N, C-alpha and C. Protein backbone atom coordinates (compact mmCIF):
# COMPACT_ATOMS: atom_id res chain seq x y z
N MET A 1 -33.38 90.35 62.05
CA MET A 1 -33.08 88.95 61.91
C MET A 1 -33.64 88.37 60.64
N ASN A 2 -34.81 88.78 60.25
CA ASN A 2 -35.44 88.26 59.03
C ASN A 2 -34.61 88.64 57.78
N ILE A 3 -34.08 89.85 57.78
CA ILE A 3 -33.31 90.32 56.66
C ILE A 3 -32.03 89.46 56.55
N ILE A 4 -31.35 89.25 57.68
CA ILE A 4 -30.12 88.45 57.68
C ILE A 4 -30.45 87.05 57.21
N SER A 5 -31.51 86.46 57.72
CA SER A 5 -31.90 85.14 57.33
C SER A 5 -32.21 85.08 55.85
N PHE A 6 -32.87 86.08 55.35
CA PHE A 6 -33.24 86.12 53.93
C PHE A 6 -31.98 86.20 53.06
N ARG A 7 -31.03 87.04 53.53
CA ARG A 7 -29.77 87.15 52.77
C ARG A 7 -29.01 85.85 52.74
N SER A 8 -28.95 85.17 53.87
CA SER A 8 -28.21 83.86 53.92
C SER A 8 -28.91 82.87 53.02
N GLU A 9 -30.24 82.89 52.95
CA GLU A 9 -30.97 81.99 52.06
C GLU A 9 -30.63 82.28 50.63
N ILE A 10 -30.54 83.56 50.26
CA ILE A 10 -30.16 83.90 48.89
C ILE A 10 -28.75 83.35 48.57
N LYS A 11 -27.82 83.54 49.52
CA LYS A 11 -26.44 83.01 49.32
C LYS A 11 -26.48 81.52 49.09
N VAL A 12 -27.26 80.82 49.92
CA VAL A 12 -27.37 79.37 49.76
C VAL A 12 -27.93 78.98 48.41
N ILE A 13 -28.99 79.69 47.98
CA ILE A 13 -29.59 79.41 46.69
C ILE A 13 -28.58 79.61 45.54
N VAL A 14 -27.86 80.73 45.64
CA VAL A 14 -26.87 81.03 44.61
C VAL A 14 -25.79 79.95 44.58
N VAL A 15 -25.28 79.54 45.73
CA VAL A 15 -24.24 78.52 45.81
C VAL A 15 -24.81 77.22 45.22
N VAL A 16 -26.01 76.84 45.60
CA VAL A 16 -26.57 75.58 45.09
C VAL A 16 -26.74 75.63 43.57
N VAL A 17 -27.22 76.77 43.06
CA VAL A 17 -27.40 76.91 41.61
C VAL A 17 -26.07 76.80 40.86
N VAL A 18 -25.07 77.50 41.37
CA VAL A 18 -23.72 77.47 40.78
C VAL A 18 -23.18 76.01 40.79
N VAL A 19 -23.32 75.34 41.92
CA VAL A 19 -22.84 73.96 42.06
C VAL A 19 -23.55 73.04 41.04
N VAL A 20 -24.87 73.22 40.94
CA VAL A 20 -25.66 72.38 40.01
C VAL A 20 -25.22 72.65 38.60
N VAL A 21 -25.02 73.90 38.21
CA VAL A 21 -24.58 74.26 36.87
C VAL A 21 -23.24 73.64 36.57
N VAL A 22 -22.30 73.73 37.53
CA VAL A 22 -20.93 73.16 37.36
C VAL A 22 -21.06 71.67 37.16
N VAL A 23 -21.88 71.00 37.96
CA VAL A 23 -22.04 69.56 37.86
C VAL A 23 -22.59 69.19 36.46
N VAL A 24 -23.61 69.93 36.01
CA VAL A 24 -24.21 69.65 34.71
C VAL A 24 -23.16 69.79 33.63
N VAL A 25 -22.35 70.85 33.67
CA VAL A 25 -21.31 71.09 32.69
C VAL A 25 -20.30 69.99 32.68
N VAL A 26 -19.86 69.59 33.90
CA VAL A 26 -18.87 68.50 34.02
C VAL A 26 -19.41 67.22 33.45
N VAL A 27 -20.66 66.89 33.80
CA VAL A 27 -21.29 65.65 33.29
C VAL A 27 -21.38 65.70 31.78
N VAL A 28 -21.80 66.81 31.22
CA VAL A 28 -21.89 66.93 29.74
C VAL A 28 -20.53 66.74 29.11
N VAL A 29 -19.48 67.37 29.66
CA VAL A 29 -18.13 67.22 29.11
C VAL A 29 -17.68 65.76 29.17
N VAL A 30 -17.98 65.09 30.33
CA VAL A 30 -17.58 63.70 30.50
C VAL A 30 -18.32 62.82 29.47
N VAL A 31 -19.61 63.06 29.29
CA VAL A 31 -20.36 62.29 28.33
C VAL A 31 -19.78 62.45 26.93
N VAL A 32 -19.43 63.71 26.56
CA VAL A 32 -18.84 63.94 25.26
C VAL A 32 -17.50 63.19 25.10
N VAL A 33 -16.66 63.27 26.13
CA VAL A 33 -15.37 62.56 26.10
C VAL A 33 -15.54 61.06 25.96
N VAL A 34 -16.49 60.53 26.78
CA VAL A 34 -16.69 59.10 26.67
C VAL A 34 -17.25 58.71 25.28
N ALA A 35 -18.14 59.52 24.75
CA ALA A 35 -18.70 59.24 23.45
C ALA A 35 -17.59 59.27 22.39
N VAL A 36 -16.72 60.27 22.45
CA VAL A 36 -15.53 60.35 21.50
C VAL A 36 -14.68 59.11 21.63
N ALA A 37 -14.39 58.72 22.88
CA ALA A 37 -13.56 57.53 23.10
C ALA A 37 -14.22 56.30 22.53
N VAL A 38 -15.54 56.13 22.73
CA VAL A 38 -16.26 55.01 22.18
C VAL A 38 -16.20 55.00 20.64
N VAL A 39 -16.39 56.19 20.06
CA VAL A 39 -16.33 56.30 18.61
C VAL A 39 -14.94 55.89 18.10
N VAL A 40 -13.90 56.38 18.77
CA VAL A 40 -12.52 56.03 18.40
C VAL A 40 -12.31 54.51 18.43
N VAL A 41 -12.77 53.90 19.51
CA VAL A 41 -12.64 52.44 19.63
C VAL A 41 -13.41 51.75 18.53
N ALA A 42 -14.65 52.22 18.28
CA ALA A 42 -15.45 51.62 17.25
C ALA A 42 -14.78 51.69 15.88
N VAL A 43 -14.20 52.87 15.56
CA VAL A 43 -13.52 53.06 14.27
C VAL A 43 -12.30 52.13 14.17
N VAL A 44 -11.51 52.14 15.25
CA VAL A 44 -10.33 51.27 15.26
C VAL A 44 -10.70 49.80 15.06
N VAL A 45 -11.70 49.34 15.79
CA VAL A 45 -12.14 47.98 15.67
C VAL A 45 -12.72 47.70 14.29
N TYR A 46 -13.51 48.65 13.77
CA TYR A 46 -14.09 48.51 12.43
C TYR A 46 -13.04 48.38 11.37
N ASN A 47 -11.97 49.14 11.48
CA ASN A 47 -10.87 49.09 10.54
C ASN A 47 -10.00 47.87 10.72
N ARG A 48 -10.24 47.12 11.81
CA ARG A 48 -9.50 45.92 12.13
C ARG A 48 -7.98 46.14 12.20
N LYS A 49 -7.66 47.38 12.58
CA LYS A 49 -6.29 47.68 12.87
C LYS A 49 -6.18 47.83 14.39
N THR A 50 -6.80 46.92 15.08
CA THR A 50 -6.94 47.02 16.52
C THR A 50 -5.59 46.98 17.20
N SER A 51 -5.20 48.10 17.78
CA SER A 51 -3.98 48.15 18.54
C SER A 51 -4.34 47.97 20.03
N LYS A 52 -3.69 47.03 20.67
CA LYS A 52 -3.99 46.83 22.08
C LYS A 52 -3.67 48.05 22.92
N VAL A 53 -2.67 48.77 22.50
CA VAL A 53 -2.28 50.00 23.21
C VAL A 53 -3.41 51.04 23.14
N VAL A 54 -3.92 51.26 21.92
CA VAL A 54 -5.02 52.24 21.73
C VAL A 54 -6.21 51.85 22.58
N VAL A 55 -6.63 50.58 22.50
CA VAL A 55 -7.79 50.11 23.26
C VAL A 55 -7.52 50.28 24.74
N ALA A 56 -6.33 49.91 25.21
CA ALA A 56 -5.98 50.03 26.62
C ALA A 56 -6.08 51.48 27.09
N VAL A 57 -5.51 52.41 26.25
CA VAL A 57 -5.52 53.83 26.60
C VAL A 57 -6.95 54.34 26.70
N VAL A 58 -7.79 53.95 25.71
CA VAL A 58 -9.20 54.41 25.68
C VAL A 58 -9.93 53.87 26.95
N VAL A 59 -9.69 52.58 27.24
CA VAL A 59 -10.34 52.00 28.40
C VAL A 59 -9.96 52.74 29.68
N VAL A 60 -8.63 53.01 29.82
CA VAL A 60 -8.14 53.71 31.00
C VAL A 60 -8.76 55.11 31.08
N VAL A 61 -8.83 55.81 29.95
CA VAL A 61 -9.41 57.16 29.92
C VAL A 61 -10.87 57.10 30.38
N VAL A 62 -11.64 56.15 29.80
CA VAL A 62 -13.06 56.03 30.16
C VAL A 62 -13.20 55.75 31.64
N VAL A 63 -12.42 54.81 32.17
CA VAL A 63 -12.51 54.47 33.58
C VAL A 63 -12.17 55.67 34.46
N VAL A 64 -11.08 56.38 34.11
CA VAL A 64 -10.72 57.55 34.89
C VAL A 64 -11.81 58.61 34.85
N VAL A 65 -12.39 58.85 33.66
CA VAL A 65 -13.45 59.83 33.52
C VAL A 65 -14.65 59.44 34.34
N VAL A 66 -15.03 58.17 34.32
CA VAL A 66 -16.19 57.73 35.11
C VAL A 66 -15.93 57.92 36.60
N VAL A 67 -14.70 57.55 37.07
CA VAL A 67 -14.37 57.70 38.47
C VAL A 67 -14.41 59.20 38.86
N VAL A 68 -13.87 60.09 38.00
CA VAL A 68 -13.87 61.50 38.29
C VAL A 68 -15.31 62.02 38.41
N VAL A 69 -16.17 61.55 37.46
CA VAL A 69 -17.58 61.99 37.51
C VAL A 69 -18.23 61.54 38.82
N VAL A 70 -18.02 60.28 39.22
CA VAL A 70 -18.58 59.79 40.44
C VAL A 70 -18.13 60.60 41.67
N VAL A 71 -16.82 60.87 41.70
CA VAL A 71 -16.23 61.63 42.80
C VAL A 71 -16.84 63.05 42.84
N VAL A 72 -16.92 63.70 41.68
CA VAL A 72 -17.47 65.06 41.60
C VAL A 72 -18.91 65.06 42.07
N VAL A 73 -19.71 64.10 41.60
CA VAL A 73 -21.10 64.04 42.00
C VAL A 73 -21.23 63.88 43.51
N VAL A 74 -20.43 62.95 44.06
CA VAL A 74 -20.47 62.72 45.53
C VAL A 74 -20.11 63.99 46.27
N VAL A 75 -19.02 64.63 45.85
CA VAL A 75 -18.56 65.87 46.52
C VAL A 75 -19.66 66.92 46.43
N VAL A 76 -20.27 67.06 45.27
CA VAL A 76 -21.31 68.06 45.09
C VAL A 76 -22.51 67.79 46.04
N VAL A 77 -22.90 66.49 46.09
CA VAL A 77 -23.99 66.12 46.99
C VAL A 77 -23.66 66.45 48.42
N VAL A 78 -22.43 66.09 48.82
CA VAL A 78 -21.99 66.41 50.23
C VAL A 78 -22.05 67.90 50.47
N VAL A 79 -21.49 68.68 49.53
CA VAL A 79 -21.44 70.15 49.68
C VAL A 79 -22.88 70.69 49.79
N VAL A 80 -23.76 70.27 48.94
CA VAL A 80 -25.14 70.73 48.94
C VAL A 80 -25.80 70.40 50.31
N VAL A 81 -25.58 69.16 50.80
CA VAL A 81 -26.17 68.74 52.06
C VAL A 81 -25.64 69.60 53.20
N VAL A 82 -24.31 69.84 53.19
CA VAL A 82 -23.68 70.63 54.23
C VAL A 82 -24.22 72.07 54.23
N VAL A 83 -24.26 72.64 53.00
CA VAL A 83 -24.76 74.02 52.85
C VAL A 83 -26.22 74.11 53.30
N ALA A 84 -27.05 73.13 52.93
CA ALA A 84 -28.45 73.15 53.32
C ALA A 84 -28.55 73.00 54.85
N ALA A 85 -27.69 72.18 55.46
CA ALA A 85 -27.73 72.04 56.92
C ALA A 85 -27.31 73.34 57.58
N ALA A 86 -26.26 73.98 56.98
CA ALA A 86 -25.79 75.25 57.58
C ALA A 86 -26.87 76.32 57.39
N ALA A 87 -27.64 76.24 56.32
CA ALA A 87 -28.68 77.26 56.11
C ALA A 87 -29.81 77.11 57.08
N ARG A 88 -30.08 75.87 57.50
CA ARG A 88 -31.18 75.63 58.44
C ARG A 88 -30.84 76.25 59.81
N GLY A 89 -29.60 76.21 60.16
CA GLY A 89 -29.23 76.78 61.45
C GLY A 89 -27.73 76.74 61.62
N GLU A 90 -27.13 77.84 62.08
CA GLU A 90 -25.68 77.87 62.35
C GLU A 90 -25.38 76.83 63.41
N GLY A 91 -24.45 75.96 63.23
CA GLY A 91 -24.07 75.01 64.27
C GLY A 91 -24.92 73.74 64.23
N ALA A 92 -25.73 73.57 63.18
CA ALA A 92 -26.47 72.32 63.07
C ALA A 92 -25.53 71.23 62.59
N GLY A 93 -25.71 70.01 63.03
CA GLY A 93 -24.89 68.90 62.60
C GLY A 93 -23.45 69.07 63.08
N GLY A 94 -23.28 69.37 64.35
CA GLY A 94 -21.92 69.55 64.92
C GLY A 94 -21.24 68.23 65.24
N GLY A 95 -21.89 67.09 64.97
CA GLY A 95 -21.30 65.80 65.32
C GLY A 95 -20.25 65.42 64.37
């Protein structure tokens, strides 16, 4: 039983590590995208060739990216919690 338990703990640790790495990568990518969008807006505004379409597109992209990040973080947190609960005992949290 101890060996099985140990193996399942290793699986849980690996899953959690992979999930955390994925989240970090996604967050970094999102930050880079948002930074690029902000720079584009700043350049456009600085050149005073402000196109409402460009600004609108950038705003939409930033909003979508932020929403995606929030959703991903929430999903990851839920997954980690579920995995941790499953690791504590098979059939825990059956409600």
